[in-house]
Amino acid sequence: MQKNDKNNLKNQYRVNEQIHIREVRVVSDEGSEVMPTRKALDLARQQGVDLVEISPNAQPPVCRLIDYSKFLYQQKKRQKEMKQKQVKVEVKEIRFGPQTDEHDYQFKLKHAQEFLEEGNKVRAYVFFRGRSILFKEQGEVLLLRFANDLEEFGKVEQMPKLEGKKMFLYMAPKKVGQAKKSQQRVDREKREAEAKAAAKAGKIESVE
């Protein structure tokens, strides 16, 4: 964590003599007790720890008797873990020509599927160079096919739209666990399940 973040954490809590309120609620693993702030400070000194105000808006403010430097370290560690858990969504680009061949199409389709499964967005576009703008309908058909082939993994955020010499299609990942299976995949899994069942039945018969 940067120095500024550390300073912000320090400034977030009042400690020891910075607590000017007359009485506080001291909480611990054993429970809580309302006492004069002076008494709470004496207890902190006796235990070799600090009096840290963790909830200033409570009535009276809530404090803990803890090692302040250790407390700051734990808070810093918690913030770092929270940042790591935040998923960073990136926008991945897939570029096509208006007359992309099937092999190139399948290659890019596979990459787009991986991007969506990883939680990234996909911006696919067809680039029309020179007079190829005459094939804009062909580019639109290609992008619509692309969206249809990826319906199991993503949802369309923006239908194909021409902007200058590029036609864009935007797709966002479906939420984990909500991906809709394509009919082809459903049929394939059904055939595989039936084949396994038949093989199992054949083994049982041969044993008998």
N, C-alpha and C. Protein backbone atom coordinates (compact mmCIF):
# COMPACT_ATOMS: atom_id res chain seq x y z
N MET A 1 0.83 -1.19 0.00
CA MET A 1 0.00 0.00 0.00
C MET A 1 0.87 1.24 0.00
N GLN A 2 0.46 2.26 -0.74
CA GLN A 2 1.23 3.48 -0.83
C GLN A 2 1.18 4.25 0.46
N LYS A 3 2.15 5.19 0.59
CA LYS A 3 2.26 5.98 1.81
C LYS A 3 1.00 6.78 2.08
N ASN A 4 0.40 7.36 1.02
CA ASN A 4 -0.82 8.15 1.18
C ASN A 4 -1.96 7.33 1.75
N ASP A 5 -2.09 6.07 1.26
CA ASP A 5 -3.14 5.19 1.78
C ASP A 5 -2.93 4.89 3.25
N LYS A 6 -1.65 4.72 3.64
CA LYS A 6 -1.33 4.42 5.04
C LYS A 6 -1.69 5.62 5.92
N ASN A 7 -1.36 6.82 5.44
CA ASN A 7 -1.70 8.03 6.19
C ASN A 7 -3.21 8.19 6.32
N ASN A 8 -3.94 7.87 5.25
CA ASN A 8 -5.40 7.96 5.30
C ASN A 8 -5.98 7.03 6.36
N LEU A 9 -5.39 5.83 6.47
CA LEU A 9 -5.83 4.89 7.49
C LEU A 9 -5.57 5.44 8.89
N LYS A 10 -4.37 6.02 9.06
CA LYS A 10 -4.02 6.58 10.37
C LYS A 10 -4.96 7.71 10.76
N ASN A 11 -5.30 8.55 9.79
CA ASN A 11 -6.17 9.70 10.07
C ASN A 11 -7.63 9.29 10.27
N GLN A 12 -7.94 8.05 9.93
CA GLN A 12 -9.32 7.59 10.02
C GLN A 12 -9.74 7.30 11.47
N TYR A 13 -8.77 7.00 12.33
CA TYR A 13 -9.08 6.61 13.71
C TYR A 13 -8.42 7.55 14.71
N ARG A 14 -9.16 7.84 15.79
CA ARG A 14 -8.56 8.60 16.90
C ARG A 14 -8.01 7.61 17.92
N VAL A 15 -6.84 7.93 18.44
CA VAL A 15 -6.14 7.00 19.33
C VAL A 15 -5.71 7.72 20.61
N ASN A 16 -5.85 7.01 21.76
CA ASN A 16 -5.37 7.49 23.06
C ASN A 16 -5.79 8.93 23.35
N GLU A 17 -4.83 9.85 23.48
CA GLU A 17 -5.12 11.22 23.88
C GLU A 17 -5.91 12.02 22.85
N GLN A 18 -6.05 11.45 21.64
CA GLN A 18 -6.84 12.15 20.60
C GLN A 18 -8.34 12.01 20.88
N ILE A 19 -8.70 11.09 21.77
CA ILE A 19 -10.12 10.86 22.11
C ILE A 19 -10.50 11.83 23.24
N HIS A 20 -11.30 12.84 22.92
CA HIS A 20 -11.62 13.89 23.89
C HIS A 20 -13.00 13.75 24.52
N ILE A 21 -13.77 12.74 24.08
CA ILE A 21 -15.12 12.55 24.63
C ILE A 21 -15.01 12.11 26.10
N ARG A 22 -16.03 12.41 26.92
CA ARG A 22 -15.97 12.13 28.36
C ARG A 22 -16.00 10.64 28.67
N GLU A 23 -16.88 9.87 27.99
CA GLU A 23 -16.93 8.43 28.25
C GLU A 23 -17.04 7.65 26.94
N VAL A 24 -16.63 6.40 26.99
CA VAL A 24 -16.63 5.55 25.80
C VAL A 24 -17.14 4.16 26.16
N ARG A 25 -17.51 3.41 25.12
CA ARG A 25 -17.89 2.00 25.33
C ARG A 25 -16.70 1.15 24.88
N VAL A 26 -16.11 0.45 25.80
CA VAL A 26 -14.95 -0.40 25.48
C VAL A 26 -15.45 -1.82 25.21
N VAL A 27 -15.19 -2.31 24.00
CA VAL A 27 -15.64 -3.67 23.64
C VAL A 27 -14.44 -4.60 23.62
N SER A 28 -14.67 -5.85 24.00
CA SER A 28 -13.63 -6.87 23.98
C SER A 28 -14.29 -8.21 23.72
N ASP A 29 -13.53 -9.27 23.68
CA ASP A 29 -14.08 -10.61 23.45
C ASP A 29 -15.03 -11.02 24.58
N GLU A 30 -14.83 -10.44 25.77
CA GLU A 30 -15.68 -10.78 26.93
C GLU A 30 -17.01 -10.02 26.92
N GLY A 31 -17.09 -8.94 26.16
CA GLY A 31 -18.32 -8.13 26.15
C GLY A 31 -17.99 -6.67 25.97
N SER A 32 -18.83 -5.78 26.53
CA SER A 32 -18.58 -4.34 26.42
C SER A 32 -18.95 -3.65 27.72
N GLU A 33 -18.33 -2.49 27.95
CA GLU A 33 -18.58 -1.74 29.19
C GLU A 33 -18.40 -0.25 28.93
N VAL A 34 -19.37 0.54 29.38
CA VAL A 34 -19.26 2.00 29.27
C VAL A 34 -18.48 2.50 30.48
N MET A 35 -17.45 3.33 30.21
CA MET A 35 -16.61 3.84 31.30
C MET A 35 -16.05 5.21 30.93
N PRO A 36 -15.56 5.96 31.91
CA PRO A 36 -14.92 7.24 31.61
C PRO A 36 -13.70 7.00 30.71
N THR A 37 -13.48 7.91 29.79
CA THR A 37 -12.35 7.78 28.86
C THR A 37 -11.03 7.68 29.60
N ARG A 38 -10.91 8.43 30.72
CA ARG A 38 -9.67 8.41 31.50
C ARG A 38 -9.38 7.00 32.03
N LYS A 39 -10.45 6.31 32.47
CA LYS A 39 -10.29 4.95 32.99
C LYS A 39 -9.87 4.01 31.86
N ALA A 40 -10.48 4.19 30.68
CA ALA A 40 -10.15 3.35 29.52
C ALA A 40 -8.68 3.54 29.13
N LEU A 41 -8.20 4.78 29.19
CA LEU A 41 -6.79 5.07 28.87
C LEU A 41 -5.85 4.40 29.88
N ASP A 42 -6.26 4.42 31.16
CA ASP A 42 -5.46 3.77 32.20
C ASP A 42 -5.37 2.26 31.95
N LEU A 43 -6.52 1.67 31.55
CA LEU A 43 -6.54 0.23 31.26
C LEU A 43 -5.61 -0.10 30.08
N ALA A 44 -5.64 0.76 29.07
CA ALA A 44 -4.79 0.54 27.89
C ALA A 44 -3.31 0.57 28.29
N ARG A 45 -2.95 1.53 29.14
CA ARG A 45 -1.55 1.63 29.58
C ARG A 45 -1.14 0.41 30.39
N GLN A 46 -2.05 -0.04 31.25
CA GLN A 46 -1.76 -1.21 32.08
C GLN A 46 -1.50 -2.46 31.23
N GLN A 47 -2.26 -2.57 30.12
CA GLN A 47 -2.14 -3.75 29.25
C GLN A 47 -1.07 -3.58 28.17
N GLY A 48 -0.48 -2.38 28.11
CA GLY A 48 0.56 -2.13 27.11
C GLY A 48 0.03 -2.05 25.69
N VAL A 49 -1.24 -1.58 25.57
CA VAL A 49 -1.85 -1.44 24.24
C VAL A 49 -2.37 -0.01 24.07
N ASP A 50 -3.18 0.20 23.02
CA ASP A 50 -3.74 1.53 22.75
C ASP A 50 -5.25 1.51 22.86
N LEU A 51 -5.81 2.68 23.14
CA LEU A 51 -7.26 2.86 23.12
C LEU A 51 -7.60 3.42 21.74
N VAL A 52 -8.30 2.63 20.91
CA VAL A 52 -8.59 3.02 19.53
C VAL A 52 -10.10 3.18 19.34
N GLU A 53 -10.51 4.33 18.85
CA GLU A 53 -11.93 4.62 18.60
C GLU A 53 -12.30 4.03 17.24
N ILE A 54 -13.14 2.99 17.25
CA ILE A 54 -13.47 2.31 15.99
C ILE A 54 -14.85 2.67 15.46
N SER A 55 -15.69 3.26 16.32
CA SER A 55 -17.03 3.67 15.87
C SER A 55 -17.39 5.00 16.54
N PRO A 56 -16.89 6.13 15.96
CA PRO A 56 -17.06 7.44 16.58
C PRO A 56 -18.50 7.96 16.62
N ASN A 57 -19.38 7.45 15.75
CA ASN A 57 -20.75 7.97 15.68
C ASN A 57 -21.71 7.28 16.64
N ALA A 58 -21.22 6.23 17.30
CA ALA A 58 -22.08 5.54 18.28
C ALA A 58 -22.22 6.41 19.52
N GLN A 59 -23.25 6.12 20.32
CA GLN A 59 -23.48 6.87 21.57
C GLN A 59 -23.41 5.91 22.76
N PRO A 60 -22.36 5.94 23.59
CA PRO A 60 -21.11 6.69 23.37
C PRO A 60 -20.24 6.00 22.32
N PRO A 61 -19.16 6.69 21.85
CA PRO A 61 -18.28 6.10 20.84
C PRO A 61 -17.72 4.75 21.31
N VAL A 62 -17.54 3.84 20.36
CA VAL A 62 -17.04 2.50 20.67
C VAL A 62 -15.52 2.46 20.48
N CYS A 63 -14.82 1.92 21.47
CA CYS A 63 -13.35 1.81 21.41
C CYS A 63 -12.93 0.37 21.69
N ARG A 64 -11.70 0.08 21.28
CA ARG A 64 -11.11 -1.22 21.60
C ARG A 64 -9.73 -1.00 22.20
N LEU A 65 -9.33 -1.92 23.06
CA LEU A 65 -7.99 -1.91 23.63
C LEU A 65 -7.13 -2.85 22.78
N ILE A 66 -6.37 -2.28 21.86
CA ILE A 66 -5.60 -3.09 20.92
C ILE A 66 -4.26 -2.43 20.61
N ASP A 67 -3.37 -3.21 20.02
CA ASP A 67 -2.10 -2.68 19.54
C ASP A 67 -2.39 -1.94 18.24
N TYR A 68 -2.23 -0.61 18.25
CA TYR A 68 -2.65 0.21 17.11
C TYR A 68 -1.88 -0.12 15.84
N SER A 69 -0.58 -0.34 15.93
CA SER A 69 0.21 -0.65 14.74
C SER A 69 -0.23 -1.98 14.13
N LYS A 70 -0.56 -2.95 15.00
CA LYS A 70 -1.04 -4.25 14.52
C LYS A 70 -2.42 -4.09 13.89
N PHE A 71 -3.25 -3.25 14.50
CA PHE A 71 -4.59 -2.97 14.00
C PHE A 71 -4.51 -2.36 12.60
N LEU A 72 -3.59 -1.38 12.41
CA LEU A 72 -3.42 -0.74 11.10
C LEU A 72 -2.97 -1.76 10.05
N TYR A 73 -2.08 -2.65 10.46
CA TYR A 73 -1.58 -3.67 9.54
C TYR A 73 -2.72 -4.58 9.07
N GLN A 74 -3.57 -4.98 10.02
CA GLN A 74 -4.71 -5.85 9.67
C GLN A 74 -5.69 -5.14 8.74
N GLN A 75 -5.93 -3.84 9.01
CA GLN A 75 -6.84 -3.06 8.16
C GLN A 75 -6.26 -2.95 6.76
N LYS A 76 -4.97 -2.71 6.67
CA LYS A 76 -4.29 -2.57 5.39
C LYS A 76 -4.37 -3.89 4.60
N LYS A 77 -4.16 -4.99 5.32
CA LYS A 77 -4.21 -6.32 4.71
C LYS A 77 -5.63 -6.61 4.19
N ARG A 78 -6.64 -6.22 4.98
CA ARG A 78 -8.03 -6.44 4.58
C ARG A 78 -8.38 -5.65 3.32
N GLN A 79 -7.91 -4.39 3.26
CA GLN A 79 -8.16 -3.57 2.09
C GLN A 79 -7.51 -4.16 0.84
N LYS A 80 -6.31 -4.68 1.02
CA LYS A 80 -5.57 -5.29 -0.10
C LYS A 80 -6.31 -6.51 -0.62
N GLU A 81 -6.84 -7.32 0.29
CA GLU A 81 -7.58 -8.53 -0.10
C GLU A 81 -8.85 -8.16 -0.84
N MET A 82 -9.53 -7.09 -0.38
CA MET A 82 -10.76 -6.64 -1.03
C MET A 82 -10.47 -6.16 -2.46
N LYS A 83 -9.35 -5.47 -2.63
CA LYS A 83 -8.98 -4.99 -3.97
C LYS A 83 -8.70 -6.15 -4.91
N GLN A 84 -8.05 -7.19 -4.35
CA GLN A 84 -7.71 -8.36 -5.17
C GLN A 84 -8.97 -9.12 -5.59
N LYS A 85 -10.01 -9.07 -4.74
CA LYS A 85 -11.25 -9.79 -5.04
C LYS A 85 -12.09 -9.07 -6.09
N GLN A 86 -11.84 -7.75 -6.24
CA GLN A 86 -12.60 -7.00 -7.22
C GLN A 86 -12.19 -7.45 -8.63
N VAL A 87 -13.16 -7.91 -9.39
CA VAL A 87 -12.87 -8.41 -10.73
C VAL A 87 -12.76 -7.23 -11.69
N LYS A 88 -11.62 -7.18 -12.37
CA LYS A 88 -11.41 -6.12 -13.34
C LYS A 88 -11.91 -6.60 -14.70
N VAL A 89 -12.95 -5.95 -15.21
CA VAL A 89 -13.53 -6.32 -16.50
C VAL A 89 -12.79 -5.59 -17.61
N GLU A 90 -12.24 -6.34 -18.52
CA GLU A 90 -11.54 -5.74 -19.67
C GLU A 90 -12.39 -5.91 -20.92
N VAL A 91 -12.16 -5.03 -21.89
CA VAL A 91 -12.84 -5.14 -23.18
C VAL A 91 -11.83 -5.68 -24.19
N LYS A 92 -12.11 -6.88 -24.67
CA LYS A 92 -11.22 -7.53 -25.63
C LYS A 92 -11.75 -7.31 -27.05
N GLU A 93 -10.86 -7.02 -27.97
CA GLU A 93 -11.27 -6.74 -29.35
C GLU A 93 -11.05 -7.95 -30.26
N ILE A 94 -12.03 -8.16 -31.12
CA ILE A 94 -11.93 -9.18 -32.16
C ILE A 94 -12.19 -8.48 -33.49
N ARG A 95 -11.22 -8.59 -34.41
CA ARG A 95 -11.35 -7.89 -35.69
C ARG A 95 -11.61 -8.86 -36.83
N PHE A 96 -12.56 -8.50 -37.69
CA PHE A 96 -12.87 -9.30 -38.87
C PHE A 96 -12.73 -8.43 -40.12
N GLY A 97 -12.55 -9.11 -41.24
CA GLY A 97 -12.69 -8.46 -42.54
C GLY A 97 -14.07 -8.82 -43.05
N PRO A 98 -14.61 -8.10 -44.04
CA PRO A 98 -15.97 -8.39 -44.53
C PRO A 98 -16.09 -9.77 -45.17
N GLN A 99 -14.94 -10.34 -45.60
CA GLN A 99 -14.97 -11.66 -46.25
C GLN A 99 -14.04 -12.63 -45.52
N THR A 100 -14.22 -12.69 -44.18
CA THR A 100 -13.40 -13.58 -43.35
C THR A 100 -13.70 -15.05 -43.70
N ASP A 101 -12.64 -15.84 -43.89
CA ASP A 101 -12.87 -17.26 -44.23
C ASP A 101 -13.26 -18.04 -42.97
N GLU A 102 -13.77 -19.24 -43.17
CA GLU A 102 -14.33 -20.05 -42.08
C GLU A 102 -13.29 -20.41 -41.01
N HIS A 103 -12.08 -20.74 -41.46
CA HIS A 103 -11.03 -21.12 -40.51
C HIS A 103 -10.70 -19.95 -39.58
N ASP A 104 -10.55 -18.77 -40.15
CA ASP A 104 -10.23 -17.57 -39.37
C ASP A 104 -11.39 -17.23 -38.43
N TYR A 105 -12.62 -17.41 -38.95
CA TYR A 105 -13.81 -17.13 -38.14
C TYR A 105 -13.84 -18.04 -36.90
N GLN A 106 -13.63 -19.33 -37.08
CA GLN A 106 -13.68 -20.28 -35.97
C GLN A 106 -12.57 -20.00 -34.96
N PHE A 107 -11.40 -19.60 -35.45
CA PHE A 107 -10.27 -19.27 -34.59
C PHE A 107 -10.62 -18.09 -33.68
N LYS A 108 -11.23 -17.05 -34.27
CA LYS A 108 -11.59 -15.86 -33.50
C LYS A 108 -12.79 -16.12 -32.59
N LEU A 109 -13.67 -16.97 -33.03
CA LEU A 109 -14.83 -17.35 -32.21
C LEU A 109 -14.36 -18.03 -30.92
N LYS A 110 -13.36 -18.91 -31.06
CA LYS A 110 -12.83 -19.62 -29.89
C LYS A 110 -12.22 -18.64 -28.89
N HIS A 111 -11.47 -17.66 -29.41
CA HIS A 111 -10.86 -16.66 -28.54
C HIS A 111 -11.93 -15.83 -27.82
N ALA A 112 -12.96 -15.44 -28.55
CA ALA A 112 -14.04 -14.65 -27.96
C ALA A 112 -14.75 -15.43 -26.85
N GLN A 113 -14.94 -16.74 -27.08
CA GLN A 113 -15.56 -17.60 -26.07
C GLN A 113 -14.72 -17.61 -24.79
N GLU A 114 -13.39 -17.71 -24.95
CA GLU A 114 -12.49 -17.72 -23.80
C GLU A 114 -12.55 -16.39 -23.05
N PHE A 115 -12.59 -15.28 -23.80
CA PHE A 115 -12.66 -13.96 -23.18
C PHE A 115 -13.92 -13.84 -22.33
N LEU A 116 -15.06 -14.28 -22.87
CA LEU A 116 -16.33 -14.16 -22.15
C LEU A 116 -16.36 -15.07 -20.92
N GLU A 117 -15.78 -16.27 -21.06
CA GLU A 117 -15.74 -17.20 -19.93
C GLU A 117 -14.87 -16.65 -18.80
N GLU A 118 -13.87 -15.84 -19.15
CA GLU A 118 -13.00 -15.23 -18.14
C GLU A 118 -13.63 -13.99 -17.51
N GLY A 119 -14.82 -13.60 -18.00
CA GLY A 119 -15.52 -12.46 -17.42
C GLY A 119 -15.25 -11.14 -18.12
N ASN A 120 -14.61 -11.19 -19.28
CA ASN A 120 -14.32 -9.97 -20.03
C ASN A 120 -15.42 -9.67 -21.05
N LYS A 121 -15.50 -8.40 -21.44
CA LYS A 121 -16.42 -8.02 -22.50
C LYS A 121 -15.71 -8.21 -23.84
N VAL A 122 -16.51 -8.30 -24.90
CA VAL A 122 -15.95 -8.46 -26.23
C VAL A 122 -16.51 -7.39 -27.16
N ARG A 123 -15.59 -6.73 -27.87
CA ARG A 123 -16.01 -5.77 -28.90
C ARG A 123 -15.51 -6.32 -30.23
N ALA A 124 -16.44 -6.85 -31.00
CA ALA A 124 -16.09 -7.40 -32.30
C ALA A 124 -16.44 -6.37 -33.36
N TYR A 125 -15.58 -6.27 -34.35
CA TYR A 125 -15.89 -5.32 -35.42
C TYR A 125 -15.38 -5.82 -36.76
N VAL A 126 -16.07 -5.35 -37.80
CA VAL A 126 -15.66 -5.63 -39.17
C VAL A 126 -15.09 -4.34 -39.73
N PHE A 127 -13.87 -4.43 -40.26
CA PHE A 127 -13.21 -3.25 -40.82
C PHE A 127 -13.36 -3.27 -42.34
N PHE A 128 -13.95 -2.20 -42.87
CA PHE A 128 -14.17 -2.10 -44.31
C PHE A 128 -13.09 -1.21 -44.93
N ARG A 129 -12.21 -1.83 -45.67
CA ARG A 129 -11.11 -1.09 -46.30
C ARG A 129 -11.50 -0.70 -47.73
N GLY A 130 -11.37 0.58 -48.04
CA GLY A 130 -11.64 1.05 -49.40
C GLY A 130 -13.07 0.77 -49.84
N ARG A 131 -13.19 0.12 -50.99
CA ARG A 131 -14.52 -0.14 -51.57
C ARG A 131 -15.24 -1.31 -50.92
N SER A 132 -14.58 -1.96 -49.96
CA SER A 132 -15.23 -3.11 -49.29
C SER A 132 -16.43 -2.68 -48.46
N ILE A 133 -16.62 -1.34 -48.30
CA ILE A 133 -17.80 -0.82 -47.59
C ILE A 133 -19.08 -1.26 -48.29
N LEU A 134 -18.94 -1.64 -49.58
CA LEU A 134 -20.09 -2.13 -50.34
C LEU A 134 -20.61 -3.45 -49.76
N PHE A 135 -19.76 -4.12 -48.97
CA PHE A 135 -20.14 -5.41 -48.38
C PHE A 135 -20.62 -5.26 -46.93
N LYS A 136 -21.13 -4.06 -46.58
CA LYS A 136 -21.52 -3.84 -45.18
C LYS A 136 -22.61 -4.80 -44.71
N GLU A 137 -23.53 -5.18 -45.64
CA GLU A 137 -24.57 -6.14 -45.25
C GLU A 137 -23.94 -7.49 -44.90
N GLN A 138 -22.90 -7.85 -45.66
CA GLN A 138 -22.18 -9.10 -45.41
C GLN A 138 -21.50 -9.05 -44.04
N GLY A 139 -20.96 -7.87 -43.69
CA GLY A 139 -20.33 -7.70 -42.38
C GLY A 139 -21.34 -7.81 -41.26
N GLU A 140 -22.53 -7.28 -41.49
CA GLU A 140 -23.58 -7.34 -40.47
C GLU A 140 -24.02 -8.78 -40.24
N VAL A 141 -24.17 -9.54 -41.32
CA VAL A 141 -24.55 -10.95 -41.21
C VAL A 141 -23.49 -11.73 -40.41
N LEU A 142 -22.22 -11.41 -40.67
CA LEU A 142 -21.12 -12.09 -39.98
C LEU A 142 -21.18 -11.81 -38.47
N LEU A 143 -21.42 -10.56 -38.10
CA LEU A 143 -21.47 -10.20 -36.67
C LEU A 143 -22.69 -10.82 -35.99
N LEU A 144 -23.80 -10.89 -36.70
CA LEU A 144 -25.01 -11.50 -36.12
C LEU A 144 -24.80 -13.00 -35.91
N ARG A 145 -24.09 -13.63 -36.84
CA ARG A 145 -23.77 -15.05 -36.69
C ARG A 145 -22.84 -15.23 -35.48
N PHE A 146 -21.89 -14.33 -35.35
CA PHE A 146 -20.93 -14.34 -34.25
C PHE A 146 -21.66 -14.27 -32.91
N ALA A 147 -22.62 -13.34 -32.80
CA ALA A 147 -23.40 -13.18 -31.57
C ALA A 147 -24.21 -14.43 -31.28
N ASN A 148 -24.79 -15.02 -32.32
CA ASN A 148 -25.60 -16.22 -32.15
C ASN A 148 -24.77 -17.40 -31.68
N ASP A 149 -23.55 -17.53 -32.25
CA ASP A 149 -22.66 -18.63 -31.87
C ASP A 149 -22.15 -18.49 -30.44
N LEU A 150 -22.21 -17.28 -29.89
CA LEU A 150 -21.71 -17.04 -28.54
C LEU A 150 -22.82 -16.86 -27.50
N GLU A 151 -24.07 -17.14 -27.90
CA GLU A 151 -25.20 -16.87 -27.01
C GLU A 151 -25.12 -17.66 -25.70
N GLU A 152 -24.40 -18.76 -25.72
CA GLU A 152 -24.25 -19.58 -24.50
C GLU A 152 -23.33 -18.90 -23.48
N PHE A 153 -22.43 -18.05 -23.98
CA PHE A 153 -21.41 -17.46 -23.11
C PHE A 153 -21.59 -15.96 -22.86
N GLY A 154 -22.30 -15.28 -23.75
CA GLY A 154 -22.44 -13.83 -23.59
C GLY A 154 -23.77 -13.32 -24.10
N LYS A 155 -24.06 -12.07 -23.72
CA LYS A 155 -25.29 -11.43 -24.19
C LYS A 155 -24.91 -10.16 -24.95
N VAL A 156 -25.71 -9.83 -25.96
CA VAL A 156 -25.43 -8.68 -26.81
C VAL A 156 -25.78 -7.39 -26.06
N GLU A 157 -24.81 -6.49 -25.98
CA GLU A 157 -25.04 -5.17 -25.37
C GLU A 157 -25.39 -4.14 -26.44
N GLN A 158 -24.83 -4.32 -27.64
CA GLN A 158 -25.15 -3.43 -28.75
C GLN A 158 -25.12 -4.22 -30.04
N MET A 159 -26.22 -4.16 -30.79
CA MET A 159 -26.31 -4.85 -32.07
C MET A 159 -25.35 -4.20 -33.06
N PRO A 160 -25.03 -4.90 -34.16
CA PRO A 160 -24.09 -4.35 -35.14
C PRO A 160 -24.46 -2.92 -35.56
N LYS A 161 -23.48 -2.03 -35.47
CA LYS A 161 -23.71 -0.61 -35.78
C LYS A 161 -22.49 -0.07 -36.51
N LEU A 162 -22.73 0.59 -37.66
CA LEU A 162 -21.66 1.12 -38.48
C LEU A 162 -21.19 2.46 -37.94
N GLU A 163 -19.90 2.57 -37.67
CA GLU A 163 -19.29 3.82 -37.22
C GLU A 163 -18.07 4.07 -38.10
N GLY A 164 -18.22 4.98 -39.05
CA GLY A 164 -17.13 5.23 -40.00
C GLY A 164 -16.90 4.02 -40.88
N LYS A 165 -15.68 3.49 -40.85
CA LYS A 165 -15.35 2.32 -41.67
C LYS A 165 -15.42 1.02 -40.88
N LYS A 166 -15.96 1.09 -39.67
CA LYS A 166 -16.05 -0.09 -38.82
C LYS A 166 -17.49 -0.35 -38.38
N MET A 167 -17.85 -1.61 -38.34
CA MET A 167 -19.16 -2.00 -37.81
C MET A 167 -18.92 -2.77 -36.52
N PHE A 168 -19.46 -2.25 -35.41
CA PHE A 168 -19.18 -2.81 -34.09
C PHE A 168 -20.33 -3.65 -33.55
N LEU A 169 -19.95 -4.65 -32.76
CA LEU A 169 -20.89 -5.47 -31.98
C LEU A 169 -20.30 -5.59 -30.59
N TYR A 170 -21.10 -5.30 -29.56
CA TYR A 170 -20.61 -5.39 -28.18
C TYR A 170 -21.31 -6.52 -27.45
N MET A 171 -20.52 -7.34 -26.74
CA MET A 171 -21.08 -8.45 -25.96
C MET A 171 -20.51 -8.44 -24.56
N ALA A 172 -21.34 -8.80 -23.59
CA ALA A 172 -20.93 -8.88 -22.19
C ALA A 172 -21.07 -10.32 -21.72
N PRO A 173 -20.23 -10.76 -20.78
CA PRO A 173 -20.32 -12.15 -20.30
C PRO A 173 -21.60 -12.40 -19.53
N LYS A 174 -22.10 -13.61 -19.64
CA LYS A 174 -23.25 -13.99 -18.82
C LYS A 174 -22.75 -14.29 -17.43
N LYS A 175 -23.61 -14.12 -16.43
CA LYS A 175 -23.21 -14.39 -15.05
C LYS A 175 -22.89 -15.87 -14.89
N VAL A 176 -21.89 -16.14 -14.05
CA VAL A 176 -21.47 -17.52 -13.81
C VAL A 176 -22.65 -18.34 -13.33
N GLY A 177 -22.83 -19.50 -13.95
CA GLY A 177 -23.92 -20.39 -13.54
C GLY A 177 -25.22 -20.13 -14.27
N GLN A 178 -25.25 -19.02 -15.07
CA GLN A 178 -26.49 -18.69 -15.77
C GLN A 178 -26.34 -18.86 -17.28
N ALA A 179 -25.17 -19.36 -17.72
CA ALA A 179 -24.96 -19.54 -19.15
C ALA A 179 -25.97 -20.55 -19.69
N LYS A 180 -26.61 -20.16 -20.76
CA LYS A 180 -27.65 -20.99 -21.36
C LYS A 180 -27.01 -21.96 -22.34
N LYS A 181 -27.27 -23.22 -22.20
CA LYS A 181 -26.69 -24.21 -23.08
C LYS A 181 -27.32 -24.12 -24.47
N SER A 182 -26.48 -24.21 -25.50
CA SER A 182 -27.00 -24.24 -26.87
C SER A 182 -27.68 -25.59 -27.09
N GLN A 183 -28.58 -25.64 -28.06
CA GLN A 183 -29.31 -26.87 -28.33
C GLN A 183 -28.35 -27.97 -28.77
N GLN A 184 -27.31 -27.57 -29.55
CA GLN A 184 -26.33 -28.56 -30.01
C GLN A 184 -25.62 -29.21 -28.83
N ARG A 185 -25.26 -28.39 -27.83
CA ARG A 185 -24.55 -28.93 -26.67
C ARG A 185 -25.48 -29.82 -25.86
N VAL A 186 -26.75 -29.42 -25.73
CA VAL A 186 -27.73 -30.24 -24.99
C VAL A 186 -27.87 -31.59 -25.67
N ASP A 187 -27.98 -31.57 -27.01
CA ASP A 187 -28.14 -32.83 -27.77
C ASP A 187 -26.89 -33.71 -27.63
N ARG A 188 -25.69 -33.06 -27.69
CA ARG A 188 -24.44 -33.81 -27.60
C ARG A 188 -24.32 -34.50 -26.23
N GLU A 189 -24.64 -33.73 -25.16
CA GLU A 189 -24.55 -34.29 -23.81
C GLU A 189 -25.54 -35.43 -23.62
N LYS A 190 -26.70 -35.29 -24.27
CA LYS A 190 -27.73 -36.34 -24.17
C LYS A 190 -27.23 -37.62 -24.84
N ARG A 191 -26.60 -37.45 -26.05
CA ARG A 191 -26.08 -38.62 -26.77
C ARG A 191 -24.97 -39.30 -25.96
N GLU A 192 -24.09 -38.48 -25.36
CA GLU A 192 -22.99 -39.03 -24.56
C GLU A 192 -23.52 -39.81 -23.36
N ALA A 193 -24.55 -39.27 -22.71
CA ALA A 193 -25.15 -39.94 -21.55
C ALA A 193 -25.78 -41.27 -21.96
N GLU A 194 -26.46 -41.28 -23.12
CA GLU A 194 -27.10 -42.51 -23.61
C GLU A 194 -26.05 -43.56 -23.97
N ALA A 195 -24.94 -43.09 -24.57
CA ALA A 195 -23.86 -44.01 -24.96
C ALA A 195 -23.23 -44.66 -23.73
N LYS A 196 -23.02 -43.84 -22.68
CA LYS A 196 -22.45 -44.36 -21.43
C LYS A 196 -23.38 -45.38 -20.79
N ALA A 197 -24.69 -45.07 -20.81
CA ALA A 197 -25.68 -45.98 -20.22
C ALA A 197 -25.70 -47.31 -20.98
N ALA A 198 -25.62 -47.22 -22.31
CA ALA A 198 -25.64 -48.43 -23.14
C ALA A 198 -24.39 -49.27 -22.89
N ALA A 199 -23.24 -48.59 -22.77
CA ALA A 199 -21.98 -49.29 -22.52
C ALA A 199 -22.02 -49.99 -21.17
N LYS A 200 -22.59 -49.30 -20.18
CA LYS A 200 -22.70 -49.87 -18.84
C LYS A 200 -23.59 -51.10 -18.84
N ALA A 201 -24.72 -50.99 -19.59
CA ALA A 201 -25.66 -52.11 -19.67
C ALA A 201 -25.00 -53.30 -20.36
N GLY A 202 -24.18 -53.02 -21.38
CA GLY A 202 -23.47 -54.08 -22.11
C GLY A 202 -22.51 -54.82 -21.21
N LYS A 203 -21.81 -54.07 -20.32
CA LYS A 203 -20.87 -54.69 -19.39
C LYS A 203 -21.58 -55.62 -18.42
N ILE A 204 -22.74 -55.15 -17.93
CA ILE A 204 -23.51 -55.94 -16.97
C ILE A 204 -23.95 -57.26 -17.62
N GLU A 205 -24.40 -57.19 -18.90
CA GLU A 205 -24.87 -58.38 -19.60
C GLU A 205 -23.71 -59.35 -19.79
N SER A 206 -22.52 -58.83 -20.16
CA SER A 206 -21.37 -59.71 -20.40
C SER A 206 -20.93 -60.41 -19.11
N VAL A 207 -21.04 -59.75 -17.98
CA VAL A 207 -20.68 -60.34 -16.70
C VAL A 207 -21.64 -61.47 -16.36
N GLU A 208 -22.93 -61.22 -16.62
CA GLU A 208 -23.93 -62.26 -16.36
C GLU A 208 -23.71 -63.47 -17.25
